[in-house]
Structure formats: C-alpha cells, structure tokens
Amino acid sequence: MNYKIQGAIKRNRKNFIIFAILWILIAIVFVSPFAYSSHMAGLNGGADIGVFIETFGKSMLNPFETLGKIFSEGATGTYFSTLLVTTIFYSVFFFIGFARSAPKNEYTDIEHGSSDWSQRGEQYQILNRNKGIILAEGNYLPVDKRGNVNVLVVGRFRFR
C-alpha cells in the first residue's frame, strides 16, 4: 500500500502547489463576496435576496476590498464558517483526485530494462560496474563471465 501513496505523491508534486494557489484564489475571490453578501442580507433579521444579489455583484468586482470589509464590519464568523464548508468540499475533491492518481501496481511508471529492478548494489552479483558491454550508466555485462552472456539490445540508434 505504501507504493501507492509514494507514487501518487511523486505524480502530483507540481499539482500540490497549483491546488494551494487555487484554494487561496477561491477563498479570496468567491468565498469572501459570498460570505459578506450573506452577512449583509441577514442584518435585518431575515434573508433578503435582493440585498444579497446587489451586494454580491458589487463584492465580486473588488474581492480584496470585500475581504477588508469582512474584518472591519464584523462578518468574520460568516466568512470562516463559509470558508470551512468550502474547504471541506475542496478537500474531498482533492483527495478523490489524489487517490485516482495512485499507481495500480508497484511497477507502474518504472522503465522496463533499467537498473531500477535492483537495490543497494545487488545487480553487481550479475553485472560489473567497471568494464564490459555497456548496458546502462554504471552497469556493464562482463565479457569474462562463464555462462550465458548474450545481449539483446532493444531500441534505435539516432544519427545526427
């Protein structure tokens, strides 16, 4: 199970920053006008939809000013409760996407034919690190080895 979490983190490193920036953008541009408008609509004791729509339209044009009004006019409770609900929904979608990007098995995205199949030098029980037929960087097939030393090269040569 650990390979799934590590693989998902490796695949989504760049996306974590994008998700954080998008969350900040949502918190400033959408949540603050919505929270301020709902606070202003509920000041008279009821939910006045006309005041909400009018305030929301003006608030969307200048979200940073609206964010300042939230703290100066006492709408912080409404803002933080709205931000909490939005963050919960955002986190659910984030973790669904994170779980779906996890590799299906341990060998997903591992290059076939590379030395990734071995760990801590165990390939040198078979191969040589100094001389022989080049297989990969730092991996040579020794020519003085007894037994089968046949090599199949799959790929192409590029000439410039």
Protein backbone atom coordinates (compact mmCIF):
# COMPACT_ATOMS: atom_id res chain seq x y z
CA MET A 1 0.00 0.00 0.00
CA ASN A 2 2.92 2.30 0.65
CA TYR A 3 3.92 2.31 -3.03
CA LYS A 4 0.50 3.75 -3.91
CA ILE A 5 0.91 6.75 -1.62
CA GLN A 6 4.51 7.33 -2.70
CA GLY A 7 3.55 7.03 -6.38
CA ALA A 8 0.65 9.44 -6.01
CA ILE A 9 2.85 11.98 -4.21
CA LYS A 10 5.53 11.63 -6.88
CA ARG A 11 2.99 12.17 -9.67
CA ASN A 12 1.30 15.16 -8.01
CA ARG A 13 4.20 17.24 -6.65
CA LYS A 14 3.54 20.11 -9.02
CA ASN A 15 -0.20 19.84 -8.55
CA PHE A 16 0.04 20.41 -4.78
CA ILE A 17 1.23 23.97 -5.38
CA ILE A 18 -1.46 24.54 -8.01
CA PHE A 19 -4.14 23.23 -5.62
CA ALA A 20 -2.91 25.51 -2.82
CA ILE A 21 -2.91 28.58 -5.08
CA LEU A 22 -6.37 27.67 -6.36
CA TRP A 23 -7.68 27.30 -2.79
CA ILE A 24 -6.34 30.77 -1.89
CA LEU A 25 -7.93 32.18 -5.04
CA ILE A 26 -11.27 30.57 -4.20
CA ALA A 27 -11.06 31.85 -0.61
CA ILE A 28 -10.50 35.44 -1.74
CA VAL A 29 -12.46 35.74 -4.98
CA PHE A 30 -15.54 33.60 -4.29
CA VAL A 31 -15.90 32.89 -0.57
CA SER A 32 -15.34 36.43 0.68
CA PRO A 33 -18.02 38.04 -1.57
CA PHE A 34 -20.47 35.23 -0.78
CA ALA A 35 -19.89 35.46 2.98
CA TYR A 36 -20.05 39.27 3.01
CA SER A 37 -23.23 39.29 0.90
CA SER A 38 -24.93 36.70 3.08
CA HIS A 39 -23.92 38.66 6.18
CA MET A 40 -25.32 41.91 4.75
CA ALA A 41 -28.54 40.18 3.63
CA GLY A 42 -29.09 38.78 7.13
CA LEU A 43 -28.53 42.01 9.07
CA ASN A 44 -32.21 42.95 9.14
CA GLY A 45 -33.21 39.66 10.76
CA GLY A 46 -34.21 37.82 7.58
CA ALA A 47 -32.52 36.68 4.40
CA ASP A 48 -33.16 39.48 1.91
CA ILE A 49 -32.33 38.02 -1.52
CA GLY A 50 -32.35 41.44 -3.20
CA VAL A 51 -29.67 42.78 -0.84
CA PHE A 52 -27.69 39.56 -1.31
CA ILE A 53 -27.67 39.80 -5.12
CA GLU A 54 -26.86 43.52 -5.13
CA THR A 55 -24.05 43.15 -2.59
CA PHE A 56 -22.68 40.01 -4.23
CA GLY A 57 -22.44 41.74 -7.61
CA LYS A 58 -20.54 44.69 -6.13
CA SER A 59 -18.34 42.44 -3.99
CA MET A 60 -17.25 40.27 -6.92
CA LEU A 61 -15.82 43.32 -8.69
CA ASN A 62 -13.38 44.09 -5.86
CA PRO A 63 -12.76 40.97 -3.72
CA PHE A 64 -9.82 42.43 -1.77
CA GLU A 65 -11.90 45.38 -0.61
CA THR A 66 -14.63 42.93 0.33
CA LEU A 67 -12.12 40.90 2.35
CA GLY A 68 -11.22 44.07 4.26
CA LYS A 69 -14.90 44.86 4.86
CA ILE A 70 -15.42 41.38 6.28
CA PHE A 71 -12.92 42.05 9.05
CA SER A 72 -13.92 45.66 9.64
CA GLU A 73 -17.70 45.14 9.71
CA GLY A 74 -17.77 42.01 11.88
CA ALA A 75 -18.58 39.35 9.29
CA THR A 76 -15.63 37.15 10.26
CA GLY A 77 -17.83 34.41 11.72
CA THR A 78 -19.79 34.09 8.49
CA TYR A 79 -16.59 34.17 6.46
CA PHE A 80 -14.82 31.45 8.43
CA SER A 81 -17.86 29.17 8.52
CA THR A 82 -18.31 29.55 4.76
CA LEU A 83 -14.58 29.02 4.25
CA LEU A 84 -14.72 25.84 6.37
CA VAL A 85 -17.56 24.37 4.30
CA THR A 86 -15.80 25.31 1.05
CA THR A 87 -12.53 23.82 2.28
CA ILE A 88 -14.22 20.55 3.21
CA PHE A 89 -15.76 20.22 -0.27
CA TYR A 90 -12.48 21.23 -1.91
CA SER A 91 -10.56 18.68 0.19
CA VAL A 92 -12.96 15.89 -0.75
CA PHE A 93 -12.44 16.56 -4.46
CA PHE A 94 -8.68 16.93 -3.92
CA PHE A 95 -8.40 13.56 -2.17
CA ILE A 96 -10.56 11.85 -4.79
CA GLY A 97 -8.20 13.12 -7.48
CA PHE A 98 -5.19 12.17 -5.37
CA ALA A 99 -6.50 8.62 -4.85
CA ARG A 100 -7.31 8.20 -8.53
CA SER A 101 -3.76 9.19 -9.50
CA ALA A 102 -2.22 6.43 -7.37
CA PRO A 103 -0.41 3.75 -9.38
CA LYS A 104 -2.24 0.49 -9.97
CA ASN A 105 0.75 -1.67 -9.00
CA GLU A 106 4.35 -1.39 -7.85
CA TYR A 107 5.77 -1.40 -11.36
CA THR A 108 3.72 1.45 -12.83
CA ASP A 109 5.95 4.10 -14.44
CA ILE A 110 9.15 2.10 -13.96
CA GLU A 111 11.19 1.98 -17.12
CA HIS A 112 11.46 -1.57 -18.37
CA GLY A 113 15.06 -2.62 -18.90
CA SER A 114 16.56 -0.14 -16.45
CA SER A 115 18.51 -0.95 -13.32
CA ASP A 116 15.52 0.06 -11.18
CA TRP A 117 14.80 -3.62 -10.61
CA SER A 118 17.68 -3.92 -8.15
CA GLN A 119 18.57 -2.18 -4.92
CA ARG A 120 21.76 -1.49 -2.96
CA GLY A 121 24.16 -2.96 -5.50
CA GLU A 122 22.58 -6.39 -5.89
CA GLN A 123 22.87 -6.07 -9.68
CA TYR A 124 26.66 -6.35 -9.32
CA GLN A 125 26.28 -10.02 -8.39
CA ILE A 126 25.49 -10.46 -12.08
CA LEU A 127 26.93 -7.35 -13.68
CA ASN A 128 30.16 -5.41 -13.39
CA ARG A 129 30.47 -1.75 -12.52
CA ASN A 130 33.80 -1.12 -14.28
CA LYS A 131 34.18 -2.88 -17.65
CA GLY A 132 32.37 -4.98 -20.19
CA ILE A 133 29.45 -4.43 -22.56
CA ILE A 134 27.59 -1.23 -21.61
CA LEU A 135 24.02 -1.92 -20.53
CA ALA A 136 23.21 1.27 -18.64
CA GLU A 137 25.07 4.03 -16.85
CA GLY A 138 27.32 2.27 -14.35
CA ASN A 139 26.16 -1.23 -15.40
CA TYR A 140 28.31 -3.42 -17.60
CA LEU A 141 27.91 -7.06 -18.65
CA PRO A 142 31.29 -8.68 -18.06
CA VAL A 143 32.77 -10.47 -21.07
CA ASP A 144 34.91 -12.85 -19.00
CA LYS A 145 31.90 -14.31 -17.20
CA ARG A 146 31.16 -18.01 -17.52
CA GLY A 147 27.74 -18.92 -18.78
CA ASN A 148 25.32 -17.08 -20.99
CA VAL A 149 26.45 -13.54 -21.86
CA ASN A 150 24.08 -13.00 -24.78
CA VAL A 151 22.69 -9.46 -25.00
CA LEU A 152 19.52 -8.34 -26.72
CA VAL A 153 19.50 -4.62 -27.43
CA VAL A 154 16.05 -3.15 -27.97
CA GLY A 155 15.86 0.41 -29.19
CA ARG A 156 17.15 2.52 -32.01
CA PHE A 157 20.24 4.41 -32.94
CA ARG A 158 19.99 8.07 -33.71
CA PHE A 159 22.42 9.61 -36.14
CA ARG A 160 22.76 13.36 -36.49
